[in-house]
Amino acid sequence: QVQLVESGGGLVQAGGSLRLSCAASGRTFTIYNMGWFRQAPGKEREFVAAMTWASGRTYYDDSVKGRFTISRDYAKTSVYLQMNSLKPEDTAVYYCALGSRYMGRESTTIDDFDYWGQGTQVTVSS
């Protein structure tokens, strides 16, 4: 089993920044990729960004390109999401996710990931 613990959410004004952290523990030798999703009230959970663990290759949803950056600390088995130029529409619960399977493509759907964190609230005021 793998456990994911997120931190770093909060309340910020539009245009501000936040940095989310996610630490993985347990059977972390099975990591293929790690990523972030978000879910706003009344909406489905959606892909934000992800990283192929071994290579460090990153990919993003178009809505956050140029504003958000995913990074990792390989030794700490942790992934981060630096969020800049935040907008009110970025308000959501943000979830860290870990995938342990090779998908042969960019992993951007919920089904591509096997383990999830508990979520951390990000609120952007206008």
Foldseek 3Di string as FASTA:
>chain_A
DKAKAKDWADEEAAQAKIKMKIFMDDPVVLFQKKAKWWDDPPGDIFGAKMAGLPPRDIDGDPVQPPFWDWGADNVRRMIMIIGGRDDQVVWTWMKMFTARDDDVDDDTDPVRTDDIHPTDTHGYHD
